[in-house]
């Protein structure tokens, strides 16, 4: 089947991305053709692949931008960007187990130029791996992969669904202390409002100093930084005091 050059280029990027092999791309294209998909424009092809869940929106957008690499890391397929700061955190899926996880990637400039940064990164993963509790985010894997000549170090950990404390407040307004701490469950290693996650779990989960959705934590933290050490505290506007709430305890 002949396609418009722009569509063919998009499909070539998909073949080279590592997300699908040649046979899988052919099967997907054949399925879209039988379903009457519009192959006149790469954006329409990408939209169809997102709709049938062959690609995620993040993957499709990056392929349309011309990206061919950076979709696969070792045994993991990257599904989307959760956040970016001093490091990047992605939602990912194990290629064989199909388990979703969060993957934190140590920036290549840090791993190549600072042995101390790499050591702290690995120490963080090992520290989390020694802990096993329902209220503590679980470590799954620590590894590395190559992107050309660049070595990429990554840390795979439990993916916790939720929104940040700050996002919840922006959406619903100030919460009572009971709502913030007890009712919904708060997932955090610090009380920084943009780092704390309000999880779907009815429990508090403690993460690592740079756990998923905590990209504001810095890899340049001192070596003396202790796991679970609070780095800041909630702004008073985020928690609304209720008459039954102890001022001394929550404010």
C-alpha atoms as a PDB file:
ATOM      1  CA  UNK A   1       0.000   0.000   0.000  1.00  0.00           C
ATOM      2  CA  UNK A   2       1.425   3.397  -1.052  1.00  0.00           C
ATOM      3  CA  UNK A   3       1.188   6.270   1.400  1.00  0.00           C
ATOM      4  CA  UNK A   4       1.812   9.968   1.353  1.00  0.00           C
ATOM      5  CA  UNK A   5       5.564  10.609   2.017  1.00  0.00           C
ATOM      6  CA  UNK A   6       4.810  12.268   5.344  1.00  0.00           C
ATOM      7  CA  UNK A   7       2.751   9.265   6.457  1.00  0.00           C
ATOM      8  CA  UNK A   8       5.460   6.853   5.306  1.00  0.00           C
ATOM      9  CA  UNK A   9       8.057   8.813   7.269  1.00  0.00           C
ATOM     10  CA  UNK A  10       5.877   8.641  10.369  1.00  0.00           C
ATOM     11  CA  UNK A  11       5.529   4.866   9.988  1.00  0.00           C
ATOM     12  CA  UNK A  12       9.285   4.533   9.495  1.00  0.00           C
ATOM     13  CA  UNK A  13       9.860   6.390  12.767  1.00  0.00           C
ATOM     14  CA  UNK A  14       7.413   4.020  14.442  1.00  0.00           C
ATOM     15  CA  UNK A  15       9.328   1.017  13.085  1.00  0.00           C
ATOM     16  CA  UNK A  16      12.612   2.402  14.378  1.00  0.00           C
ATOM     17  CA  UNK A  17      11.244   3.473  17.761  1.00  0.00           C
ATOM     18  CA  UNK A  18      11.350   0.006  19.302  1.00  0.00           C
ATOM     19  CA  UNK A  19       7.692   0.231  20.265  1.00  0.00           C
ATOM     20  CA  UNK A  20       6.610  -2.097  17.456  1.00  0.00           C
ATOM     21  CA  UNK A  21       8.565  -4.341  15.122  1.00  0.00           C
ATOM     22  CA  UNK A  22       8.137  -4.505  11.340  1.00  0.00           C
ATOM     23  CA  UNK A  23       5.475  -7.226  11.442  1.00  0.00           C
ATOM     24  CA  UNK A  24       3.506  -5.492  14.170  1.00  0.00           C
ATOM     25  CA  UNK A  25       3.497  -2.208  12.256  1.00  0.00           C
ATOM     26  CA  UNK A  26       2.290  -4.030   9.135  1.00  0.00           C
ATOM     27  CA  UNK A  27      -0.495  -5.733  11.096  1.00  0.00           C
ATOM     28  CA  UNK A  28      -1.577  -2.457  12.706  1.00  0.00           C
ATOM     29  CA  UNK A  29      -1.601  -0.630   9.364  1.00  0.00           C
ATOM     30  CA  UNK A  30      -3.606  -3.448   7.798  1.00  0.00           C
ATOM     31  CA  UNK A  31      -6.114  -3.277  10.646  1.00  0.00           C
ATOM     32  CA  UNK A  32      -6.484   0.488  10.286  1.00  0.00           C
ATOM     33  CA  UNK A  33      -6.976   0.152   6.538  1.00  0.00           C
ATOM     34  CA  UNK A  34      -9.719  -2.425   7.015  1.00  0.00           C
ATOM     35  CA  UNK A  35     -11.380  -0.130   9.543  1.00  0.00           C
ATOM     36  CA  UNK A  36     -11.396   2.675   6.982  1.00  0.00           C
ATOM     37  CA  UNK A  37      -8.817   4.889   8.707  1.00  0.00           C
ATOM     38  CA  UNK A  38      -7.691   8.062   6.950  1.00  0.00           C
ATOM     39  CA  UNK A  39      -4.066   7.745   5.767  1.00  0.00           C
ATOM     40  CA  UNK A  40      -3.903  11.167   4.150  1.00  0.00           C
ATOM     41  CA  UNK A  41      -2.114  12.812   7.073  1.00  0.00           C
ATOM     42  CA  UNK A  42       0.310  11.488   9.732  1.00  0.00           C
ATOM     43  CA  UNK A  43      -1.639  13.291  12.476  1.00  0.00           C
ATOM     44  CA  UNK A  44      -4.758  11.345  11.541  1.00  0.00           C
ATOM     45  CA  UNK A  45      -2.814   8.074  11.527  1.00  0.00           C
ATOM     46  CA  UNK A  46      -1.324   8.909  14.924  1.00  0.00           C
ATOM     47  CA  UNK A  47      -4.789   9.750  16.296  1.00  0.00           C
ATOM     48  CA  UNK A  48      -6.104   6.398  15.075  1.00  0.00           C
ATOM     49  CA  UNK A  49      -3.200   4.582  16.769  1.00  0.00           C
ATOM     50  CA  UNK A  50      -3.927   6.380  20.023  1.00  0.00           C
ATOM     51  CA  UNK A  51      -7.624   5.596  19.741  1.00  0.00           C
ATOM     52  CA  UNK A  52      -7.001   1.853  19.322  1.00  0.00           C
ATOM     53  CA  UNK A  53      -4.422   2.023  22.164  1.00  0.00           C
ATOM     54  CA  UNK A  54      -1.467   1.000  20.023  1.00  0.00           C
ATOM     55  CA  UNK A  55       0.280   4.195  21.130  1.00  0.00           C
ATOM     56  CA  UNK A  56      -0.128   6.549  24.042  1.00  0.00           C
ATOM     57  CA  UNK A  57      -0.736  10.217  23.377  1.00  0.00           C
ATOM     58  CA  UNK A  58       2.788  11.034  24.554  1.00  0.00           C
ATOM     59  CA  UNK A  59       4.342   8.468  22.219  1.00  0.00           C
ATOM     60  CA  UNK A  60       2.286   9.677  19.250  1.00  0.00           C
ATOM     61  CA  UNK A  61       3.132  13.333  19.880  1.00  0.00           C
ATOM     62  CA  UNK A  62       6.854  12.600  20.052  1.00  0.00           C
ATOM     63  CA  UNK A  63       6.779  10.476  16.899  1.00  0.00           C
ATOM     64  CA  UNK A  64       5.001  13.305  15.087  1.00  0.00           C
ATOM     65  CA  UNK A  65       7.744  15.676  16.245  1.00  0.00           C
ATOM     66  CA  UNK A  66      10.287  13.469  14.493  1.00  0.00           C
ATOM     67  CA  UNK A  67      11.607  11.540  17.463  1.00  0.00           C
ATOM     68  CA  UNK A  68      12.774   7.967  16.789  1.00  0.00           C
ATOM     69  CA  UNK A  69      14.529   7.074  20.035  1.00  0.00           C
ATOM     70  CA  UNK A  70      13.878   7.358  23.738  1.00  0.00           C
ATOM     71  CA  UNK A  71      10.731   5.243  23.892  1.00  0.00           C
ATOM     72  CA  UNK A  72      12.329   2.081  25.291  1.00  0.00           C
ATOM     73  CA  UNK A  73      14.609   1.765  28.293  1.00  0.00           C
ATOM     74  CA  UNK A  74      15.912  -1.729  28.953  1.00  0.00           C
ATOM     75  CA  UNK A  75      12.894  -3.944  29.624  1.00  0.00           C
ATOM     76  CA  UNK A  76      10.535  -0.978  29.849  1.00  0.00           C
ATOM     77  CA  UNK A  77       8.389   0.890  27.349  1.00  0.00           C
ATOM     78  CA  UNK A  78       7.957   4.534  28.284  1.00  0.00           C
ATOM     79  CA  UNK A  79       4.306   5.579  28.155  1.00  0.00           C
ATOM     80  CA  UNK A  80       4.362   9.206  29.205  1.00  0.00           C
ATOM     81  CA  UNK A  81       6.175  11.917  31.101  1.00  0.00           C
ATOM     82  CA  UNK A  82       5.067  12.374  34.714  1.00  0.00           C
ATOM     83  CA  UNK A  83       7.367  15.275  35.452  1.00  0.00           C
ATOM     84  CA  UNK A  84      10.723  16.854  34.798  1.00  0.00           C
ATOM     85  CA  UNK A  85      13.066  18.841  36.983  1.00  0.00           C
ATOM     86  CA  UNK A  86      16.619  17.902  37.869  1.00  0.00           C
ATOM     87  CA  UNK A  87      15.604  14.426  36.750  1.00  0.00           C
ATOM     88  CA  UNK A  88      12.804  13.045  34.601  1.00  0.00           C
ATOM     89  CA  UNK A  89      10.114  10.662  35.820  1.00  0.00           C
ATOM     90  CA  UNK A  90       8.107   8.595  33.336  1.00  0.00           C
ATOM     91  CA  UNK A  91       5.191   6.247  33.498  1.00  0.00           C
ATOM     92  CA  UNK A  92       6.382   2.972  32.009  1.00  0.00           C
ATOM     93  CA  UNK A  93       5.364  -0.629  31.434  1.00  0.00           C
ATOM     94  CA  UNK A  94       7.478  -3.758  31.711  1.00  0.00           C
ATOM     95  CA  UNK A  95       7.610  -5.242  28.221  1.00  0.00           C
ATOM     96  CA  UNK A  96       6.960  -8.834  29.391  1.00  0.00           C
ATOM     97  CA  UNK A  97       5.135  -8.537  32.717  1.00  0.00           C
ATOM     98  CA  UNK A  98       2.953  -5.610  31.556  1.00  0.00           C
ATOM     99  CA  UNK A  99       3.241  -4.074  35.006  1.00  0.00           C
ATOM    100  CA  UNK A 100       2.983  -0.303  35.135  1.00  0.00           C
ATOM    101  CA  UNK A 101       5.604   1.556  37.118  1.00  0.00           C
ATOM    102  CA  UNK A 102       7.285   4.930  37.496  1.00  0.00           C
ATOM    103  CA  UNK A 103      10.824   5.250  36.175  1.00  0.00           C
ATOM    104  CA  UNK A 104      13.167   7.938  37.360  1.00  0.00           C
ATOM    105  CA  UNK A 105      16.053   8.661  35.008  1.00  0.00           C
ATOM    106  CA  UNK A 106      19.329  10.143  36.137  1.00  0.00           C
ATOM    107  CA  UNK A 107      20.303  12.892  33.665  1.00  0.00           C
ATOM    108  CA  UNK A 108      23.202  11.758  31.490  1.00  0.00           C
ATOM    109  CA  UNK A 109      25.188  14.884  32.394  1.00  0.00           C
ATOM    110  CA  UNK A 110      24.971  13.959  36.090  1.00  0.00           C
ATOM    111  CA  UNK A 111      25.973  10.317  35.657  1.00  0.00           C
ATOM    112  CA  UNK A 112      28.908  11.132  33.388  1.00  0.00           C
ATOM    113  CA  UNK A 113      30.257  14.170  35.217  1.00  0.00           C
ATOM    114  CA  UNK A 114      29.554  13.329  38.856  1.00  0.00           C
ATOM    115  CA  UNK A 115      30.314   9.993  40.435  1.00  0.00           C
ATOM    116  CA  UNK A 116      28.747  11.340  43.631  1.00  0.00           C
ATOM    117  CA  UNK A 117      25.422  12.017  41.873  1.00  0.00           C
ATOM    118  CA  UNK A 118      25.352   8.467  40.509  1.00  0.00           C
ATOM    119  CA  UNK A 119      26.252   7.055  43.927  1.00  0.00           C
ATOM    120  CA  UNK A 120      23.406   9.003  45.598  1.00  0.00           C
ATOM    121  CA  UNK A 121      21.006   7.881  42.883  1.00  0.00           C
ATOM    122  CA  UNK A 122      21.910   4.225  43.458  1.00  0.00           C
ATOM    123  CA  UNK A 123      21.909   4.643  47.240  1.00  0.00           C
ATOM    124  CA  UNK A 124      18.392   6.043  47.076  1.00  0.00           C
ATOM    125  CA  UNK A 125      17.156   3.001  45.161  1.00  0.00           C
ATOM    126  CA  UNK A 126      18.907   0.566  47.503  1.00  0.00           C
ATOM    127  CA  UNK A 127      17.495   2.316  50.570  1.00  0.00           C
ATOM    128  CA  UNK A 128      13.933   2.043  49.265  1.00  0.00           C
ATOM    129  CA  UNK A 129      14.504  -1.598  48.270  1.00  0.00           C
ATOM    130  CA  UNK A 130      15.359  -2.552  51.849  1.00  0.00           C
ATOM    131  CA  UNK A 131      11.903  -1.415  53.021  1.00  0.00           C
ATOM    132  CA  UNK A 132       8.736  -3.468  52.618  1.00  0.00           C
ATOM    133  CA  UNK A 133       5.552  -1.934  53.958  1.00  0.00           C
ATOM    134  CA  UNK A 134       2.133  -1.128  52.517  1.00  0.00           C
ATOM    135  CA  UNK A 135       2.676   2.541  53.362  1.00  0.00           C
ATOM    136  CA  UNK A 136       6.034   2.807  51.608  1.00  0.00           C
ATOM    137  CA  UNK A 137       6.441   3.090  47.850  1.00  0.00           C
ATOM    138  CA  UNK A 138       8.104  -0.081  46.564  1.00  0.00           C
ATOM    139  CA  UNK A 139      11.298  -0.278  44.545  1.00  0.00           C
ATOM    140  CA  UNK A 140      11.130  -2.595  41.535  1.00  0.00           C
ATOM    141  CA  UNK A 141      14.364  -2.305  39.612  1.00  0.00           C
ATOM    142  CA  UNK A 142      17.643  -0.451  39.268  1.00  0.00           C
ATOM    143  CA  UNK A 143      19.467  -0.649  35.979  1.00  0.00           C
ATOM    144  CA  UNK A 144      21.100   1.009  33.037  1.00  0.00           C
ATOM    145  CA  UNK A 145      20.774   1.030  29.275  1.00  0.00           C
ATOM    146  CA  UNK A 146      22.640   2.601  26.381  1.00  0.00           C
ATOM    147  CA  UNK A 147      21.409   5.275  24.016  1.00  0.00           C
ATOM    148  CA  UNK A 148      24.161   5.289  21.435  1.00  0.00           C
ATOM    149  CA  UNK A 149      27.315   5.888  23.456  1.00  0.00           C
ATOM    150  CA  UNK A 150      25.446   7.395  26.401  1.00  0.00           C
ATOM    151  CA  UNK A 151      24.723   5.235  29.436  1.00  0.00           C
ATOM    152  CA  UNK A 152      21.270   5.882  30.930  1.00  0.00           C
ATOM    153  CA  UNK A 153      20.763   4.998  34.601  1.00  0.00           C
ATOM    154  CA  UNK A 154      17.225   4.408  35.816  1.00  0.00           C
ATOM    155  CA  UNK A 155      15.279   3.483  38.925  1.00  0.00           C
ATOM    156  CA  UNK A 156      11.892   1.753  38.525  1.00  0.00           C
ATOM    157  CA  UNK A 157       9.432   1.996  41.388  1.00  0.00           C
ATOM    158  CA  UNK A 158       5.783   1.622  42.271  1.00  0.00           C
ATOM    159  CA  UNK A 159       3.414   3.894  40.400  1.00  0.00           C
ATOM    160  CA  UNK A 160       0.920   5.563  42.732  1.00  0.00           C
ATOM    161  CA  UNK A 161      -2.132   7.122  41.138  1.00  0.00           C
ATOM    162  CA  UNK A 162      -3.131  10.499  42.464  1.00  0.00           C
ATOM    163  CA  UNK A 163      -2.766  14.231  42.169  1.00  0.00           C
ATOM    164  CA  UNK A 164      -0.428  16.540  44.015  1.00  0.00           C
ATOM    165  CA  UNK A 165      -1.632  18.303  47.159  1.00  0.00           C
ATOM    166  CA  UNK A 166      -1.239  21.636  45.392  1.00  0.00           C
ATOM    167  CA  UNK A 167      -3.260  20.443  42.385  1.00  0.00           C
ATOM    168  CA  UNK A 168      -6.073  19.268  44.656  1.00  0.00           C
ATOM    169  CA  UNK A 169      -6.185  22.618  46.460  1.00  0.00           C
ATOM    170  CA  UNK A 170      -6.213  24.501  43.143  1.00  0.00           C
ATOM    171  CA  UNK A 171      -9.116  22.324  41.983  1.00  0.00           C
ATOM    172  CA  UNK A 172     -11.214  22.143  45.172  1.00  0.00           C
ATOM    173  CA  UNK A 173      -9.920  24.867  47.471  1.00  0.00           C
ATOM    174  CA  UNK A 174      -8.358  24.537  50.943  1.00  0.00           C
ATOM    175  CA  UNK A 175      -8.888  21.190  52.662  1.00  0.00           C
ATOM    176  CA  UNK A 176      -9.558  20.503  56.310  1.00  0.00           C
ATOM    177  CA  UNK A 177      -6.738  18.729  58.120  1.00  0.00           C
ATOM    178  CA  UNK A 178      -8.932  15.611  58.280  1.00  0.00           C
ATOM    179  CA  UNK A 179      -9.491  15.649  54.512  1.00  0.00           C
ATOM    180  CA  UNK A 180      -5.821  16.252  53.831  1.00  0.00           C
ATOM    181  CA  UNK A 181      -4.367  13.649  56.155  1.00  0.00           C
ATOM    182  CA  UNK A 182      -6.969  11.046  57.088  1.00  0.00           C
ATOM    183  CA  UNK A 183      -9.809  10.906  54.605  1.00  0.00           C
ATOM    184  CA  UNK A 184      -7.873  10.645  51.352  1.00  0.00           C
ATOM    185  CA  UNK A 185      -4.427   9.556  52.446  1.00  0.00           C
ATOM    186  CA  UNK A 186      -1.311  11.620  51.805  1.00  0.00           C
ATOM    187  CA  UNK A 187       1.743  10.270  49.998  1.00  0.00           C
ATOM    188  CA  UNK A 188       4.909  12.207  50.635  1.00  0.00           C
ATOM    189  CA  UNK A 189       8.428  12.234  51.992  1.00  0.00           C
ATOM    190  CA  UNK A 190       8.294  15.967  52.559  1.00  0.00           C
ATOM    191  CA  UNK A 191       5.450  18.334  53.290  1.00  0.00           C
ATOM    192  CA  UNK A 192       6.124  20.430  50.229  1.00  0.00           C
ATOM    193  CA  UNK A 193       2.690  21.012  48.718  1.00  0.00           C
ATOM    194  CA  UNK A 194       3.767  20.424  45.121  1.00  0.00           C
ATOM    195  CA  UNK A 195       5.494  17.151  46.066  1.00  0.00           C
ATOM    196  CA  UNK A 196       2.818  15.528  48.206  1.00  0.00           C
ATOM    197  CA  UNK A 197       0.454  13.124  46.493  1.00  0.00           C
ATOM    198  CA  UNK A 198      -3.115  12.526  47.540  1.00  0.00           C
ATOM    199  CA  UNK A 199      -3.343   8.862  46.665  1.00  0.00           C
ATOM    200  CA  UNK A 200      -6.368   6.721  45.892  1.00  0.00           C
ATOM    201  CA  UNK A 201      -5.167   4.542  48.770  1.00  0.00           C
ATOM    202  CA  UNK A 202      -6.713   5.181  52.193  1.00  0.00           C
ATOM    203  CA  UNK A 203      -3.216   5.180  53.708  1.00  0.00           C
ATOM    204  CA  UNK A 204      -0.173   7.377  53.854  1.00  0.00           C
ATOM    205  CA  UNK A 205       2.642   6.230  51.584  1.00  0.00           C
ATOM    206  CA  UNK A 206       6.190   7.361  52.120  1.00  0.00           C
ATOM    207  CA  UNK A 207       8.435   7.644  49.117  1.00  0.00           C
ATOM    208  CA  UNK A 208      12.099   8.242  48.508  1.00  0.00           C
ATOM    209  CA  UNK A 209      13.717  11.706  48.425  1.00  0.00           C
ATOM    210  CA  UNK A 210      12.995  11.899  44.708  1.00  0.00           C
ATOM    211  CA  UNK A 211      10.111   9.471  44.323  1.00  0.00           C
ATOM    212  CA  UNK A 212       7.538   9.495  41.463  1.00  0.00           C
ATOM    213  CA  UNK A 213       5.858  12.865  41.011  1.00  0.00           C
ATOM    214  CA  UNK A 214       8.506  14.431  43.314  1.00  0.00           C
ATOM    215  CA  UNK A 215      10.678  15.894  40.599  1.00  0.00           C
ATOM    216  CA  UNK A 216      11.277  19.117  42.504  1.00  0.00           C
ATOM    217  CA  UNK A 217      13.674  17.266  44.791  1.00  0.00           C
ATOM    218  CA  UNK A 218      17.265  17.851  43.721  1.00  0.00           C
ATOM    219  CA  UNK A 219      19.943  15.312  42.924  1.00  0.00           C
ATOM    220  CA  UNK A 220      22.395  17.793  44.351  1.00  0.00           C
ATOM    221  CA  UNK A 221      21.121  17.307  47.878  1.00  0.00           C
ATOM    222  CA  UNK A 222      23.931  16.830  50.371  1.00  0.00           C
ATOM    223  CA  UNK A 223      25.177  13.329  51.104  1.00  0.00           C
ATOM    224  CA  UNK A 224      23.968  13.822  54.698  1.00  0.00           C
ATOM    225  CA  UNK A 225      20.327  14.045  53.512  1.00  0.00           C
ATOM    226  CA  UNK A 226      18.306  11.408  55.366  1.00  0.00           C
ATOM    227  CA  UNK A 227      15.518   9.372  53.838  1.00  0.00           C
ATOM    228  CA  UNK A 228      12.248  10.908  54.975  1.00  0.00           C
ATOM    229  CA  UNK A 229      13.819  14.178  56.084  1.00  0.00           C
ATOM    230  CA  UNK A 230      11.266  16.983  55.575  1.00  0.00           C
ATOM    231  CA  UNK A 231      12.493  19.727  53.265  1.00  0.00           C
ATOM    232  CA  UNK A 232       9.671  22.208  53.798  1.00  0.00           C
ATOM    233  CA  UNK A 233       6.225  22.506  55.334  1.00  0.00           C
ATOM    234  CA  UNK A 234       2.688  23.094  54.020  1.00  0.00           C
ATOM    235  CA  UNK A 235       1.562  26.599  53.446  1.00  0.00           C
ATOM    236  CA  UNK A 236      -1.176  27.572  55.890  1.00  0.00           C
ATOM    237  CA  UNK A 237      -3.580  28.381  53.086  1.00  0.00           C
ATOM    238  CA  UNK A 238      -3.586  24.747  51.946  1.00  0.00           C
ATOM    239  CA  UNK A 239      -5.227  23.364  55.081  1.00  0.00           C
ATOM    240  CA  UNK A 240      -8.419  24.900  56.427  1.00  0.00           C
ATOM    241  CA  UNK A 241      -8.812  24.642  60.203  1.00  0.00           C
ATOM    242  CA  UNK A 242     -12.043  23.049  61.361  1.00  0.00           C
ATOM    243  CA  UNK A 243     -13.571  23.718  64.825  1.00  0.00           C
ATOM    244  CA  UNK A 244     -12.751  20.187  65.944  1.00  0.00           C
ATOM    245  CA  UNK A 245      -9.153  20.364  64.798  1.00  0.00           C
ATOM    246  CA  UNK A 246      -6.394  20.949  67.319  1.00  0.00           C
ATOM    247  CA  UNK A 247      -4.506  24.143  66.494  1.00  0.00           C
ATOM    248  CA  UNK A 248      -1.390  22.811  68.140  1.00  0.00           C
ATOM    249  CA  UNK A 249      -1.414  19.556  66.229  1.00  0.00           C
ATOM    250  CA  UNK A 250      -2.071  20.691  62.667  1.00  0.00           C
ATOM    251  CA  UNK A 251      -1.129  24.372  62.411  1.00  0.00           C
END
